[in-house]
Amino acid sequence: MHRCGQVSEVPFIKMHGLGNDFVVLDARAAPLPAMTPAVARALGDRRTGIGFDQLVLLEPSAQHAFRMRIFNSDGSEVEACGNAARAVALLHGEPVTIATGGGPIALEPVEGGARVDMGAPRFDWDAIPLAYAMDTFAMPVGWESLEGPMAVNVGNPHAIFFVADADAVELERLGPVIEHDPLFPERVNVNVASLAGPDHLRLRVWERGAGLTRACGTGACATAVAAIRRGLARSPVRVSLPGGDLEIAWEPGATILMSGPAAESFRGTFRWDDYC
């Protein structure tokens, strides 16, 4: 007897952007059973499932070409993922505007990867969101050595700390503390960045629901925007993450353009019943 009443094999595509890896499920033509946090967690387990940082679910959309939903490996659904957007652009193969939980974004495959228009960043405290009103340009808060972050929403919330040496920060310890602080009612992605030049940043990211990651596209966008707003860097900004480099272009009042590589790793199938 099948636990979930689903007997068909489900195809998937494994992809990555700078080592930030995804399982892509395409439900645009044929619907899949409803994705749940439990199924996403089971599929994301690197020992007993397929394994991923994020699961990407492509669905039909009434307003746009299609809809992209993103689930972290802990089962939580998030609004946006820049690396996943580049992977989807590569998979789709032509320019397209798609719907996401963080709003519509435009994708375009280019030589060496893809370019994504991530939309305009938001800075109002209630757009991050924060639990109460405060200046998001330099927030009067701190966690040990990490102080005075800027908060930016680029489809999902980020707190950006500029430090002398991003590699020296104990992000695996402080990241979850900040992510779950009551100041951030929807949790937050934690970015620590250091300047490597007038248009070059080094960045590490603790991603909500996924932990330390080799790359975070929205984190690179949020950090580049924060550096430009504070006068620490000029556009375009090269953002170096553990998995590689992204280029972020942004001017105040404009949308964010992110460019970088993506790749397909392999394809396979699984039985839905085995993971629900």
Protein backbone atom coordinates (compact mmCIF):
# COMPACT_ATOMS: atom_id res chain seq x y z
CA MET A 1 0.00 0.00 0.00
CA HIS A 2 1.32 3.45 -0.92
CA ARG A 3 1.40 5.87 1.97
CA CYS A 4 0.56 8.91 -0.13
CA GLY A 5 -1.43 7.40 -2.97
CA GLN A 6 1.16 8.47 -5.57
CA VAL A 7 2.83 5.77 -7.62
CA SER A 8 4.43 7.62 -10.54
CA GLU A 9 8.10 8.41 -10.95
CA VAL A 10 8.85 12.13 -10.62
CA PRO A 11 11.67 13.57 -12.74
CA PHE A 12 14.08 16.08 -11.23
CA ILE A 13 17.04 18.17 -12.39
CA LYS A 14 20.00 18.79 -10.09
CA MET A 15 21.63 22.20 -10.69
CA HIS A 16 23.92 24.61 -8.90
CA GLY A 17 25.07 28.21 -8.93
CA LEU A 18 28.60 28.59 -7.53
CA GLY A 19 28.09 25.43 -5.46
CA ASN A 20 24.72 26.54 -4.04
CA ASP A 21 22.78 23.47 -5.19
CA PHE A 22 19.16 22.89 -6.14
CA VAL A 23 16.72 20.20 -7.09
CA VAL A 24 14.35 21.55 -9.76
CA LEU A 25 10.86 20.02 -10.12
CA ASP A 26 8.91 21.12 -13.19
CA ALA A 27 5.13 21.14 -12.62
CA ARG A 28 4.30 23.58 -15.42
CA ALA A 29 2.79 21.00 -17.78
CA ALA A 30 1.77 18.21 -15.40
CA PRO A 31 0.83 18.99 -11.78
CA LEU A 32 2.62 17.33 -8.87
CA PRO A 33 1.21 16.51 -5.43
CA ALA A 34 1.21 19.46 -3.04
CA MET A 35 4.69 20.22 -1.75
CA THR A 36 4.87 20.17 2.05
CA PRO A 37 7.67 21.06 4.49
CA ALA A 38 8.00 17.37 5.37
CA VAL A 39 8.48 16.30 1.74
CA ALA A 40 10.97 19.12 1.12
CA ARG A 41 12.98 18.14 4.22
CA ALA A 42 13.01 14.47 3.22
CA LEU A 43 14.13 15.21 -0.33
CA GLY A 44 16.78 17.62 0.96
CA ASP A 45 18.47 15.12 3.28
CA ARG A 46 21.94 14.51 1.84
CA ARG A 47 22.13 10.99 3.28
CA THR A 48 18.65 9.59 2.65
CA GLY A 49 17.24 11.96 0.00
CA ILE A 50 18.55 13.68 -3.11
CA GLY A 51 20.19 16.49 -1.17
CA PHE A 52 20.10 20.23 -1.83
CA ASP A 53 20.34 23.70 -0.36
CA GLN A 54 17.03 24.65 -1.99
CA LEU A 55 14.23 22.89 -3.83
CA VAL A 56 12.89 24.84 -6.83
CA LEU A 57 9.32 24.16 -7.92
CA LEU A 58 8.18 25.54 -11.28
CA GLU A 59 4.41 26.03 -11.60
CA PRO A 60 1.97 27.74 -14.01
CA SER A 61 1.25 31.45 -13.50
CA ALA A 62 -1.71 33.48 -14.74
CA GLN A 63 0.26 36.75 -14.90
CA HIS A 64 3.73 35.62 -15.97
CA ALA A 65 5.40 32.88 -18.00
CA PHE A 66 5.54 30.64 -14.93
CA ARG A 67 6.03 30.76 -11.17
CA MET A 68 9.13 29.78 -9.20
CA ARG A 69 8.68 28.59 -5.60
CA ILE A 70 11.68 27.93 -3.35
CA PHE A 71 11.94 25.62 -0.33
CA ASN A 72 14.99 25.45 1.93
CA SER A 73 16.42 22.13 3.05
CA ASP A 74 14.67 22.59 6.42
CA GLY A 75 11.31 22.65 4.62
CA SER A 76 10.64 26.39 4.97
CA GLU A 77 9.41 28.26 1.89
CA VAL A 78 11.22 31.48 0.99
CA GLU A 79 10.39 34.30 -1.39
CA ALA A 80 13.47 34.54 -3.60
CA CYS A 81 16.78 32.92 -4.51
CA GLY A 82 19.16 34.58 -6.92
CA ASN A 83 21.32 31.53 -7.63
CA ALA A 84 18.21 29.45 -8.30
CA ALA A 85 16.93 32.15 -10.65
CA ARG A 86 20.12 31.89 -12.72
CA ALA A 87 19.77 28.12 -12.83
CA VAL A 88 16.16 28.43 -14.01
CA ALA A 89 17.23 30.95 -16.67
CA LEU A 90 19.76 28.44 -17.95
CA LEU A 91 17.15 25.69 -17.92
CA HIS A 92 14.49 27.79 -19.69
CA GLY A 93 16.96 28.89 -22.35
CA GLU A 94 15.52 32.27 -23.34
CA PRO A 95 14.62 35.63 -21.73
CA VAL A 96 11.53 35.43 -19.56
CA THR A 97 9.75 37.19 -16.70
CA ILE A 98 8.56 34.89 -13.94
CA ALA A 99 6.58 35.19 -10.72
CA THR A 100 8.19 34.61 -7.31
CA GLY A 101 7.05 35.11 -3.75
CA GLY A 102 9.15 38.28 -3.69
CA GLY A 103 7.60 39.69 -6.89
CA PRO A 104 8.26 39.27 -10.62
CA ILE A 105 11.85 38.94 -11.84
CA ALA A 106 13.34 38.93 -15.35
CA LEU A 107 15.77 36.17 -16.36
CA GLU A 108 18.11 35.99 -19.33
CA PRO A 109 20.69 33.34 -20.21
CA VAL A 110 23.99 34.90 -21.26
CA GLU A 111 27.40 33.55 -22.18
CA GLY A 112 28.89 31.90 -19.12
CA GLY A 113 25.65 31.81 -17.14
CA ALA A 114 22.68 34.11 -16.70
CA ARG A 115 21.65 37.65 -15.83
CA VAL A 116 18.72 38.31 -13.50
CA ASP A 117 16.85 41.55 -12.87
CA MET A 118 16.06 41.09 -9.18
CA GLY A 119 13.82 44.15 -8.91
CA ALA A 120 14.27 47.16 -6.65
CA PRO A 121 15.63 46.75 -3.12
CA ARG A 122 13.46 47.82 -0.17
CA PHE A 123 14.74 49.56 2.93
CA ASP A 124 11.68 50.48 5.06
CA TRP A 125 11.71 48.71 8.42
CA ASP A 126 8.30 47.13 7.83
CA ALA A 127 9.37 45.87 4.39
CA ILE A 128 12.31 43.90 5.80
CA PRO A 129 10.35 43.19 8.08
CA LEU A 130 11.56 44.18 11.55
CA ALA A 131 9.59 43.76 14.74
CA TYR A 132 9.54 47.52 15.34
CA ALA A 133 10.56 50.75 13.64
CA MET A 134 14.23 51.69 13.37
CA ASP A 135 16.72 53.14 10.91
CA THR A 136 17.71 50.31 8.56
CA PHE A 137 20.73 52.20 7.16
CA ALA A 138 22.72 51.56 10.34
CA MET A 139 20.62 49.60 12.80
CA PRO A 140 21.40 50.43 16.45
CA VAL A 141 21.80 46.77 17.38
CA GLY A 142 24.63 44.28 17.71
CA TRP A 143 25.55 40.72 18.49
CA GLU A 144 29.01 40.51 20.05
CA SER A 145 31.48 41.88 17.47
CA LEU A 146 28.81 42.23 14.78
CA GLU A 147 27.27 45.70 15.13
CA GLY A 148 25.36 48.34 13.16
CA PRO A 149 24.09 46.25 10.22
CA MET A 150 22.12 47.55 7.28
CA ALA A 151 18.85 45.76 6.53
CA VAL A 152 17.79 45.25 2.91
CA ASN A 153 14.95 43.25 1.40
CA VAL A 154 15.72 41.96 -2.11
CA GLY A 155 12.81 39.54 -2.25
CA ASN A 156 13.84 38.15 1.12
CA PRO A 157 15.36 39.85 4.20
CA HIS A 158 19.07 40.39 4.76
CA ALA A 159 21.15 41.93 7.53
CA ILE A 160 24.57 43.05 6.27
CA PHE A 161 27.58 43.54 8.52
CA PHE A 162 30.77 45.13 7.17
CA VAL A 163 33.83 43.80 8.98
CA ALA A 164 37.60 43.92 8.59
CA ASP A 165 37.84 40.21 7.75
CA ALA A 166 34.73 38.24 6.79
CA ASP A 167 36.61 34.94 7.14
CA ALA A 168 37.43 35.65 10.80
CA VAL A 169 33.77 35.90 11.90
CA GLU A 170 32.33 32.83 13.68
CA LEU A 171 29.34 32.86 11.37
CA GLU A 172 28.42 29.25 12.04
CA ARG A 173 27.86 30.28 15.69
CA LEU A 174 26.48 33.82 15.37
CA GLY A 175 24.46 33.23 12.19
CA PRO A 176 21.68 31.15 13.80
CA VAL A 177 21.52 33.50 16.79
CA ILE A 178 20.86 36.50 14.56
CA GLU A 179 18.61 34.55 12.17
CA HIS A 180 16.23 33.66 15.02
CA ASP A 181 16.40 36.95 16.94
CA PRO A 182 12.89 38.28 17.74
CA LEU A 183 13.85 41.50 15.93
CA PHE A 184 13.28 39.56 12.69
CA PRO A 185 9.74 38.09 12.76
CA GLU A 186 10.32 36.23 9.47
CA ARG A 187 13.92 35.37 10.38
CA VAL A 188 16.79 36.86 8.38
CA ASN A 189 19.76 36.00 6.18
CA VAL A 190 23.02 37.08 7.82
CA ASN A 191 25.78 38.55 5.62
CA VAL A 192 29.33 39.41 6.72
CA ALA A 193 31.38 41.29 4.15
CA SER A 194 34.82 42.86 3.91
CA LEU A 195 36.21 45.25 1.31
CA ALA A 196 38.72 43.80 -1.14
CA GLY A 197 38.84 46.89 -3.39
CA PRO A 198 36.74 49.87 -4.53
CA ASP A 199 34.46 47.58 -6.54
CA HIS A 200 35.17 44.22 -4.88
CA LEU A 201 33.67 42.60 -1.78
CA ARG A 202 34.35 39.33 0.00
CA LEU A 203 31.16 37.80 1.42
CA ARG A 204 30.02 34.92 3.60
CA VAL A 205 26.34 34.20 4.20
CA TRP A 206 24.36 32.35 6.85
CA GLU A 207 21.17 31.58 4.93
CA ARG A 208 17.95 31.27 6.91
CA GLY A 209 16.70 27.72 6.77
CA ALA A 210 19.87 26.42 5.09
CA GLY A 211 22.87 27.54 7.17
CA LEU A 212 26.31 28.37 5.81
CA THR A 213 26.22 28.33 2.03
CA ARG A 214 28.88 28.44 -0.66
CA ALA A 215 26.95 31.16 -2.47
CA CYS A 216 23.83 33.28 -2.00
CA GLY A 217 22.61 35.39 -4.91
CA THR A 218 20.20 37.56 -2.95
CA GLY A 219 22.91 37.97 -0.28
CA ALA A 220 25.34 39.22 -2.91
CA CYS A 221 22.68 41.64 -4.20
CA ALA A 222 21.78 42.95 -0.74
CA THR A 223 25.44 43.33 0.27
CA ALA A 224 26.42 45.16 -2.92
CA VAL A 225 23.46 47.52 -2.50
CA ALA A 226 24.43 48.17 1.12
CA ALA A 227 28.05 48.87 0.16
CA ILE A 228 27.00 51.28 -2.59
CA ARG A 229 24.54 53.09 -0.30
CA ARG A 230 27.23 53.54 2.35
CA GLY A 231 29.77 54.77 -0.19
CA LEU A 232 32.05 51.79 0.34
CA ALA A 233 31.89 50.54 -3.25
CA ARG A 234 30.79 51.61 -6.70
CA SER A 235 28.67 49.79 -9.26
CA PRO A 236 29.20 47.25 -10.72
CA VAL A 237 30.49 45.33 -7.70
CA ARG A 238 32.30 42.01 -7.85
CA VAL A 239 31.16 39.89 -4.92
CA SER A 240 33.44 36.95 -4.08
CA LEU A 241 31.76 34.12 -2.18
CA PRO A 242 33.29 30.79 -1.15
CA GLY A 243 31.86 29.21 -4.33
CA GLY A 244 32.96 31.95 -6.75
CA ASP A 245 32.16 35.45 -8.02
CA LEU A 246 28.99 37.32 -8.95
CA GLU A 247 28.69 40.76 -10.56
CA ILE A 248 26.05 43.08 -9.12
CA ALA A 249 25.04 46.35 -10.79
CA TRP A 250 22.77 48.84 -9.02
CA GLU A 251 22.18 52.58 -8.92
CA PRO A 252 19.86 54.27 -6.38
CA GLY A 253 16.29 54.20 -7.64
CA ALA A 254 16.98 51.39 -10.12
CA THR A 255 16.60 47.62 -10.08
CA ILE A 256 19.41 45.20 -9.25
CA LEU A 257 21.12 43.28 -12.06
CA MET A 258 22.96 40.13 -11.03
CA SER A 259 25.20 38.18 -13.42
CA GLY A 260 27.00 34.91 -12.83
CA PRO A 261 27.35 31.23 -13.70
CA ALA A 262 24.97 28.32 -13.24
CA ALA A 263 25.21 24.70 -14.31
CA GLU A 264 23.23 21.49 -14.59
CA SER A 265 24.72 18.60 -12.61
CA PHE A 266 22.52 15.60 -13.48
CA ARG A 267 18.96 14.36 -13.94
CA GLY A 268 17.05 11.54 -12.32
CA THR A 269 13.71 10.37 -10.94
CA PHE A 270 12.28 9.54 -7.52
CA ARG A 271 9.07 8.04 -6.15
CA TRP A 272 7.00 10.64 -4.31
CA ASP A 273 5.70 7.95 -1.93
CA ASP A 274 9.22 7.38 -0.63
CA TYR A 275 9.44 10.93 0.74
CA CYS A 276 6.03 11.70 2.24
